[in-house]
């Protein structure tokens, strides 16, 4: 059986290629400016409009435990 682990990451626009950075910024603006946007879409637009990180060691611990 293959186990699945949840390991969230983040976005760092400084490390992206210009075309990817442009595409992500346009996508974020489209979500923020959408007339009938859901609350989830608004939150997504706000989140991806700037750098963020969700990385935490607590997500890696179950992987190490499984490998032992």
PDB file of N, CA and C in Angstrom:
ATOM      1  N   UNK A   1       0.834  -1.176   0.000  1.00  0.00           N
ATOM      2  CA  UNK A   1       0.000   0.000   0.000  1.00  0.00           C
ATOM      3  C   UNK A   1       0.889   1.254   0.000  1.00  0.00           C
ATOM      4  N   UNK A   2       0.503   2.237  -0.751  1.00  0.00           N
ATOM      5  CA  UNK A   2       1.242   3.495  -0.825  1.00  0.00           C
ATOM      6  C   UNK A   2       0.557   4.518   0.073  1.00  0.00           C
ATOM      7  N   UNK A   3       1.321   5.084   0.982  1.00  0.00           N
ATOM      8  CA  UNK A   3       0.771   6.117   1.866  1.00  0.00           C
ATOM      9  C   UNK A   3       0.894   7.479   1.208  1.00  0.00           C
ATOM     10  N   UNK A   4      -0.026   8.347   1.523  1.00  0.00           N
ATOM     11  CA  UNK A   4      -0.035   9.709   0.993  1.00  0.00           C
ATOM     12  C   UNK A   4       0.218  10.666   2.160  1.00  0.00           C
ATOM     13  N   UNK A   5       1.085  11.631   1.927  1.00  0.00           N
ATOM     14  CA  UNK A   5       1.407  12.612   2.956  1.00  0.00           C
ATOM     15  C   UNK A   5       1.093  14.007   2.451  1.00  0.00           C
ATOM     16  N   UNK A   6       0.626  14.858   3.335  1.00  0.00           N
ATOM     17  CA  UNK A   6       0.302  16.245   3.005  1.00  0.00           C
ATOM     18  C   UNK A   6       1.469  17.126   3.406  1.00  0.00           C
ATOM     19  N   UNK A   7       2.102  17.745   2.425  1.00  0.00           N
ATOM     20  CA  UNK A   7       3.252  18.621   2.673  1.00  0.00           C
ATOM     21  C   UNK A   7       3.049  19.929   1.919  1.00  0.00           C
ATOM     22  N   UNK A   8       2.371  20.896   2.524  1.00  0.00           N
ATOM     23  CA  UNK A   8       2.128  22.160   1.830  1.00  0.00           C
ATOM     24  C   UNK A   8       3.424  22.939   1.618  1.00  0.00           C
ATOM     25  N   UNK A   9       3.437  23.727   0.594  1.00  0.00           N
ATOM     26  CA  UNK A   9       4.616  24.527   0.258  1.00  0.00           C
ATOM     27  C   UNK A   9       4.318  26.000   0.362  1.00  0.00           C
ATOM     28  N   UNK A  10       4.543  26.712  -0.723  1.00  0.00           N
ATOM     29  CA  UNK A  10       4.313  28.140  -0.732  1.00  0.00           C
ATOM     30  C   UNK A  10       4.666  28.732  -2.082  1.00  0.00           C
ATOM     31  N   UNK A  11       4.737  30.038  -2.128  1.00  0.00           N
ATOM     32  CA  UNK A  11       5.093  30.760  -3.350  1.00  0.00           C
ATOM     33  C   UNK A  11       6.154  31.795  -2.999  1.00  0.00           C
ATOM     34  N   UNK A  12       7.196  31.822  -3.809  1.00  0.00           N
ATOM     35  CA  UNK A  12       8.231  32.843  -3.677  1.00  0.00           C
ATOM     36  C   UNK A  12       8.441  33.431  -5.072  1.00  0.00           C
ATOM     37  N   UNK A  13       7.858  34.590  -5.315  1.00  0.00           N
ATOM     38  CA  UNK A  13       7.900  35.199  -6.646  1.00  0.00           C
ATOM     39  C   UNK A  13       9.320  35.557  -7.075  1.00  0.00           C
ATOM     40  N   UNK A  14      10.193  35.827  -6.113  1.00  0.00           N
ATOM     41  CA  UNK A  14      11.573  36.187  -6.432  1.00  0.00           C
ATOM     42  C   UNK A  14      12.299  35.043  -7.158  1.00  0.00           C
ATOM     43  N   UNK A  15      11.944  33.803  -6.836  1.00  0.00           N
ATOM     44  CA  UNK A  15      12.601  32.643  -7.428  1.00  0.00           C
ATOM     45  C   UNK A  15      11.936  32.149  -8.714  1.00  0.00           C
ATOM     46  N   UNK A  16      10.874  32.782  -9.140  1.00  0.00           N
ATOM     47  CA  UNK A  16      10.170  32.361 -10.360  1.00  0.00           C
ATOM     48  C   UNK A  16      10.741  33.038 -11.597  1.00  0.00           C
ATOM     49  N   UNK A  17      10.591  32.339 -12.705  1.00  0.00           N
ATOM     50  CA  UNK A  17      10.944  32.946 -13.987  1.00  0.00           C
ATOM     51  C   UNK A  17       9.919  34.039 -14.273  1.00  0.00           C
ATOM     52  N   UNK A  18      10.312  35.065 -15.013  1.00  0.00           N
ATOM     53  CA  UNK A  18       9.407  36.193 -15.267  1.00  0.00           C
ATOM     54  C   UNK A  18       8.045  35.789 -15.848  1.00  0.00           C
ATOM     55  N   UNK A  19       8.020  34.854 -16.780  1.00  0.00           N
ATOM     56  CA  UNK A  19       6.739  34.473 -17.396  1.00  0.00           C
ATOM     57  C   UNK A  19       5.827  33.789 -16.381  1.00  0.00           C
ATOM     58  N   UNK A  20       6.400  32.963 -15.505  1.00  0.00           N
ATOM     59  CA  UNK A  20       5.606  32.298 -14.461  1.00  0.00           C
ATOM     60  C   UNK A  20       5.101  33.306 -13.450  1.00  0.00           C
ATOM     61  N   UNK A  21       5.966  34.240 -13.067  1.00  0.00           N
ATOM     62  CA  UNK A  21       5.573  35.290 -12.123  1.00  0.00           C
ATOM     63  C   UNK A  21       4.428  36.116 -12.705  1.00  0.00           C
ATOM     64  N   UNK A  22       4.536  36.473 -13.979  1.00  0.00           N
ATOM     65  CA  UNK A  22       3.487  37.242 -14.652  1.00  0.00           C
ATOM     66  C   UNK A  22       2.172  36.460 -14.681  1.00  0.00           C
ATOM     67  N   UNK A  23       2.248  35.184 -15.030  1.00  0.00           N
ATOM     68  CA  UNK A  23       1.039  34.359 -15.105  1.00  0.00           C
ATOM     69  C   UNK A  23       0.359  34.239 -13.740  1.00  0.00           C
ATOM     70  N   UNK A  24       1.137  34.039 -12.690  1.00  0.00           N
ATOM     71  CA  UNK A  24       0.563  33.921 -11.351  1.00  0.00           C
ATOM     72  C   UNK A  24      -0.056  35.234 -10.889  1.00  0.00           C
ATOM     73  N   UNK A  25       0.613  36.342 -11.168  1.00  0.00           N
ATOM     74  CA  UNK A  25       0.061  37.649 -10.784  1.00  0.00           C
ATOM     75  C   UNK A  25      -1.248  37.919 -11.527  1.00  0.00           C
ATOM     76  N   UNK A  26      -1.303  37.551 -12.814  1.00  0.00           N
ATOM     77  CA  UNK A  26      -2.533  37.747 -13.587  1.00  0.00           C
ATOM     78  C   UNK A  26      -3.660  36.862 -13.048  1.00  0.00           C
ATOM     79  N   UNK A  27      -3.321  35.630 -12.698  1.00  0.00           N
ATOM     80  CA  UNK A  27      -4.325  34.726 -12.137  1.00  0.00           C
ATOM     81  C   UNK A  27      -4.850  35.270 -10.807  1.00  0.00           C
ATOM     82  N   UNK A  28      -3.957  35.769  -9.959  1.00  0.00           N
ATOM     83  CA  UNK A  28      -4.372  36.345  -8.678  1.00  0.00           C
ATOM     84  C   UNK A  28      -5.295  37.538  -8.907  1.00  0.00           C
ATOM     85  N   UNK A  29      -4.941  38.413  -9.846  1.00  0.00           N
ATOM     86  CA  UNK A  29      -5.784  39.576 -10.139  1.00  0.00           C
ATOM     87  C   UNK A  29      -7.145  39.151 -10.662  1.00  0.00           C
ATOM     88  N   UNK A  30      -7.163  38.097 -11.509  1.00  0.00           N
ATOM     89  CA  UNK A  30      -8.447  37.648 -12.040  1.00  0.00           C
ATOM     90  C   UNK A  30      -9.350  37.129 -10.929  1.00  0.00           C
ATOM     91  N   UNK A  31      -8.764  36.448  -9.946  1.00  0.00           N
ATOM     92  CA  UNK A  31      -9.566  35.973  -8.812  1.00  0.00           C
ATOM     93  C   UNK A  31     -10.055  37.134  -7.957  1.00  0.00           C
ATOM     94  N   UNK A  32      -9.183  38.104  -7.716  1.00  0.00           N
ATOM     95  CA  UNK A  32      -9.557  39.245  -6.869  1.00  0.00           C
ATOM     96  C   UNK A  32     -10.597  40.140  -7.528  1.00  0.00           C
ATOM     97  N   UNK A  33     -10.572  40.224  -8.855  1.00  0.00           N
ATOM     98  CA  UNK A  33     -11.485  41.115  -9.572  1.00  0.00           C
ATOM     99  C   UNK A  33     -12.731  40.421 -10.114  1.00  0.00           C
ATOM    100  N   UNK A  34     -12.858  39.127  -9.858  1.00  0.00           N
ATOM    101  CA  UNK A  34     -14.010  38.372 -10.338  1.00  0.00           C
ATOM    102  C   UNK A  34     -15.280  38.891  -9.660  1.00  0.00           C
ATOM    103  N   UNK A  35     -16.289  39.199 -10.453  1.00  0.00           N
ATOM    104  CA  UNK A  35     -17.512  39.806  -9.909  1.00  0.00           C
ATOM    105  C   UNK A  35     -18.280  38.870  -8.987  1.00  0.00           C
ATOM    106  N   UNK A  36     -18.407  37.614  -9.380  1.00  0.00           N
ATOM    107  CA  UNK A  36     -19.192  36.674  -8.572  1.00  0.00           C
ATOM    108  C   UNK A  36     -18.284  35.661  -7.859  1.00  0.00           C
ATOM    109  N   UNK A  37     -17.145  36.129  -7.383  1.00  0.00           N
ATOM    110  CA  UNK A  37     -16.170  35.251  -6.723  1.00  0.00           C
ATOM    111  C   UNK A  37     -16.720  34.709  -5.408  1.00  0.00           C
ATOM    112  N   UNK A  38     -16.440  33.442  -5.166  1.00  0.00           N
ATOM    113  CA  UNK A  38     -16.798  32.839  -3.885  1.00  0.00           C
ATOM    114  C   UNK A  38     -15.785  33.302  -2.836  1.00  0.00           C
ATOM    115  N   UNK A  39     -16.088  33.051  -1.578  1.00  0.00           N
ATOM    116  CA  UNK A  39     -15.163  33.408  -0.503  1.00  0.00           C
ATOM    117  C   UNK A  39     -13.840  32.671  -0.677  1.00  0.00           C
ATOM    118  N   UNK A  40     -13.916  31.415  -1.104  1.00  0.00           N
ATOM    119  CA  UNK A  40     -12.699  30.626  -1.315  1.00  0.00           C
ATOM    120  C   UNK A  40     -11.835  31.237  -2.424  1.00  0.00           C
ATOM    121  N   UNK A  41     -12.456  31.668  -3.506  1.00  0.00           N
ATOM    122  CA  UNK A  41     -11.709  32.298  -4.600  1.00  0.00           C
ATOM    123  C   UNK A  41     -11.071  33.605  -4.153  1.00  0.00           C
ATOM    124  N   UNK A  42     -11.772  34.364  -3.341  1.00  0.00           N
ATOM    125  CA  UNK A  42     -11.212  35.617  -2.816  1.00  0.00           C
ATOM    126  C   UNK A  42      -9.998  35.348  -1.939  1.00  0.00           C
ATOM    127  N   UNK A  43     -10.112  34.339  -1.072  1.00  0.00           N
ATOM    128  CA  UNK A  43      -8.991  33.971  -0.206  1.00  0.00           C
ATOM    129  C   UNK A  43      -7.802  33.495  -1.030  1.00  0.00           C
ATOM    130  N   UNK A  44      -8.084  32.684  -2.053  1.00  0.00           N
ATOM    131  CA  UNK A  44      -7.004  32.203  -2.922  1.00  0.00           C
ATOM    132  C   UNK A  44      -6.317  33.371  -3.623  1.00  0.00           C
ATOM    133  N   UNK A  45      -7.100  34.306  -4.129  1.00  0.00           N
ATOM    134  CA  UNK A  45      -6.547  35.471  -4.798  1.00  0.00           C
ATOM    135  C   UNK A  45      -5.665  36.290  -3.878  1.00  0.00           C
ATOM    136  N   UNK A  46      -6.104  36.487  -2.648  1.00  0.00           N
ATOM    137  CA  UNK A  46      -5.308  37.228  -1.674  1.00  0.00           C
ATOM    138  C   UNK A  46      -4.022  36.479  -1.335  1.00  0.00           C
ATOM    139  N   UNK A  47      -4.138  35.172  -1.172  1.00  0.00           N
ATOM    140  CA  UNK A  47      -2.985  34.389  -0.771  1.00  0.00           C
ATOM    141  C   UNK A  47      -1.910  34.360  -1.856  1.00  0.00           C
ATOM    142  N   UNK A  48      -2.308  34.146  -3.109  1.00  0.00           N
ATOM    143  CA  UNK A  48      -1.303  34.013  -4.166  1.00  0.00           C
ATOM    144  C   UNK A  48      -0.862  35.354  -4.735  1.00  0.00           C
ATOM    145  N   UNK A  49      -1.390  36.438  -4.227  1.00  0.00           N
ATOM    146  CA  UNK A  49      -0.980  37.743  -4.731  1.00  0.00           C
ATOM    147  C   UNK A  49       0.356  38.200  -4.136  1.00  0.00           C
ATOM    148  N   UNK A  50       0.846  37.449  -3.137  1.00  0.00           N
ATOM    149  CA  UNK A  50       2.133  37.802  -2.512  1.00  0.00           C
ATOM    150  C   UNK A  50       2.843  36.515  -2.078  1.00  0.00           C
ATOM    151  N   UNK A  51       4.098  36.645  -1.700  1.00  0.00           N
ATOM    152  CA  UNK A  51       4.869  35.495  -1.218  1.00  0.00           C
ATOM    153  C   UNK A  51       4.223  34.934   0.042  1.00  0.00           C
ATOM    154  N   UNK A  52       4.273  33.604   0.173  1.00  0.00           N
ATOM    155  CA  UNK A  52       3.830  32.967   1.403  1.00  0.00           C
ATOM    156  C   UNK A  52       4.486  31.602   1.537  1.00  0.00           C
ATOM    157  N   UNK A  53       4.520  31.094   2.733  1.00  0.00           N
ATOM    158  CA  UNK A  53       5.074  29.774   2.995  1.00  0.00           C
ATOM    159  C   UNK A  53       4.216  29.070   4.038  1.00  0.00           C
ATOM    160  N   UNK A  54       3.862  27.839   3.738  1.00  0.00           N
ATOM    161  CA  UNK A  54       3.116  27.008   4.679  1.00  0.00           C
ATOM    162  C   UNK A  54       3.976  25.852   5.182  1.00  0.00           C
ATOM    163  N   UNK A  55       5.258  25.892   4.846  1.00  0.00           N
ATOM    164  CA  UNK A  55       6.156  24.808   5.236  1.00  0.00           C
ATOM    165  C   UNK A  55       6.327  24.778   6.750  1.00  0.00           C
ATOM    166  N   UNK A  56       6.316  23.559   7.277  1.00  0.00           N
ATOM    167  CA  UNK A  56       6.482  23.360   8.712  1.00  0.00           C
ATOM    168  C   UNK A  56       7.033  21.955   8.931  1.00  0.00           C
ATOM    169  N   UNK A  57       7.928  21.808   9.864  1.00  0.00           N
ATOM    170  CA  UNK A  57       8.537  20.503  10.141  1.00  0.00           C
ATOM    171  C   UNK A  57       7.513  19.462  10.569  1.00  0.00           C
ATOM    172  N   UNK A  58       6.395  19.909  11.105  1.00  0.00           N
ATOM    173  CA  UNK A  58       5.387  18.947  11.574  1.00  0.00           C
ATOM    174  C   UNK A  58       4.846  18.092  10.435  1.00  0.00           C
ATOM    175  N   UNK A  59       4.933  18.584   9.184  1.00  0.00           N
ATOM    176  CA  UNK A  59       4.457  17.808   8.044  1.00  0.00           C
ATOM    177  C   UNK A  59       5.463  16.751   7.611  1.00  0.00           C
ATOM    178  N   UNK A  60       6.712  16.913   7.994  1.00  0.00           N
ATOM    179  CA  UNK A  60       7.763  15.961   7.606  1.00  0.00           C
ATOM    180  C   UNK A  60       7.868  14.808   8.594  1.00  0.00           C
ATOM    181  N   UNK A  61       7.518  15.044   9.833  1.00  0.00           N
ATOM    182  CA  UNK A  61       7.644  14.027  10.876  1.00  0.00           C
ATOM    183  C   UNK A  61       6.943  12.715  10.532  1.00  0.00           C
ATOM    184  N   UNK A  62       5.697  12.726  10.012  1.00  0.00           N
ATOM    185  CA  UNK A  62       5.062  11.443   9.662  1.00  0.00           C
ATOM    186  C   UNK A  62       5.815  10.668   8.573  1.00  0.00           C
ATOM    187  N   UNK A  63       6.491  11.383   7.682  1.00  0.00           N
ATOM    188  CA  UNK A  63       7.269  10.716   6.631  1.00  0.00           C
ATOM    189  C   UNK A  63       8.454  10.001   7.254  1.00  0.00           C
ATOM    190  N   UNK A  64       9.168  10.686   8.141  1.00  0.00           N
ATOM    191  CA  UNK A  64      10.299  10.061   8.824  1.00  0.00           C
ATOM    192  C   UNK A  64       9.851   8.853   9.654  1.00  0.00           C
ATOM    193  N   UNK A  65       8.740   9.009  10.325  1.00  0.00           N
ATOM    194  CA  UNK A  65       8.205   7.906  11.130  1.00  0.00           C
ATOM    195  C   UNK A  65       7.911   6.694  10.244  1.00  0.00           C
ATOM    196  N   UNK A  66       7.341   6.926   9.090  1.00  0.00           N
ATOM    197  CA  UNK A  66       7.010   5.833   8.160  1.00  0.00           C
ATOM    198  C   UNK A  66       8.261   5.173   7.599  1.00  0.00           C
ATOM    199  N   UNK A  67       9.326   5.946   7.391  1.00  0.00           N
ATOM    200  CA  UNK A  67      10.559   5.403   6.814  1.00  0.00           C
ATOM    201  C   UNK A  67      11.370   4.578   7.807  1.00  0.00           C
ATOM    202  N   UNK A  68      11.129   4.769   9.115  1.00  0.00           N
ATOM    203  CA  UNK A  68      11.903   4.034  10.134  1.00  0.00           C
ATOM    204  C   UNK A  68      11.508   2.585  10.204  1.00  0.00           C
TER     205      UNK A  68
END
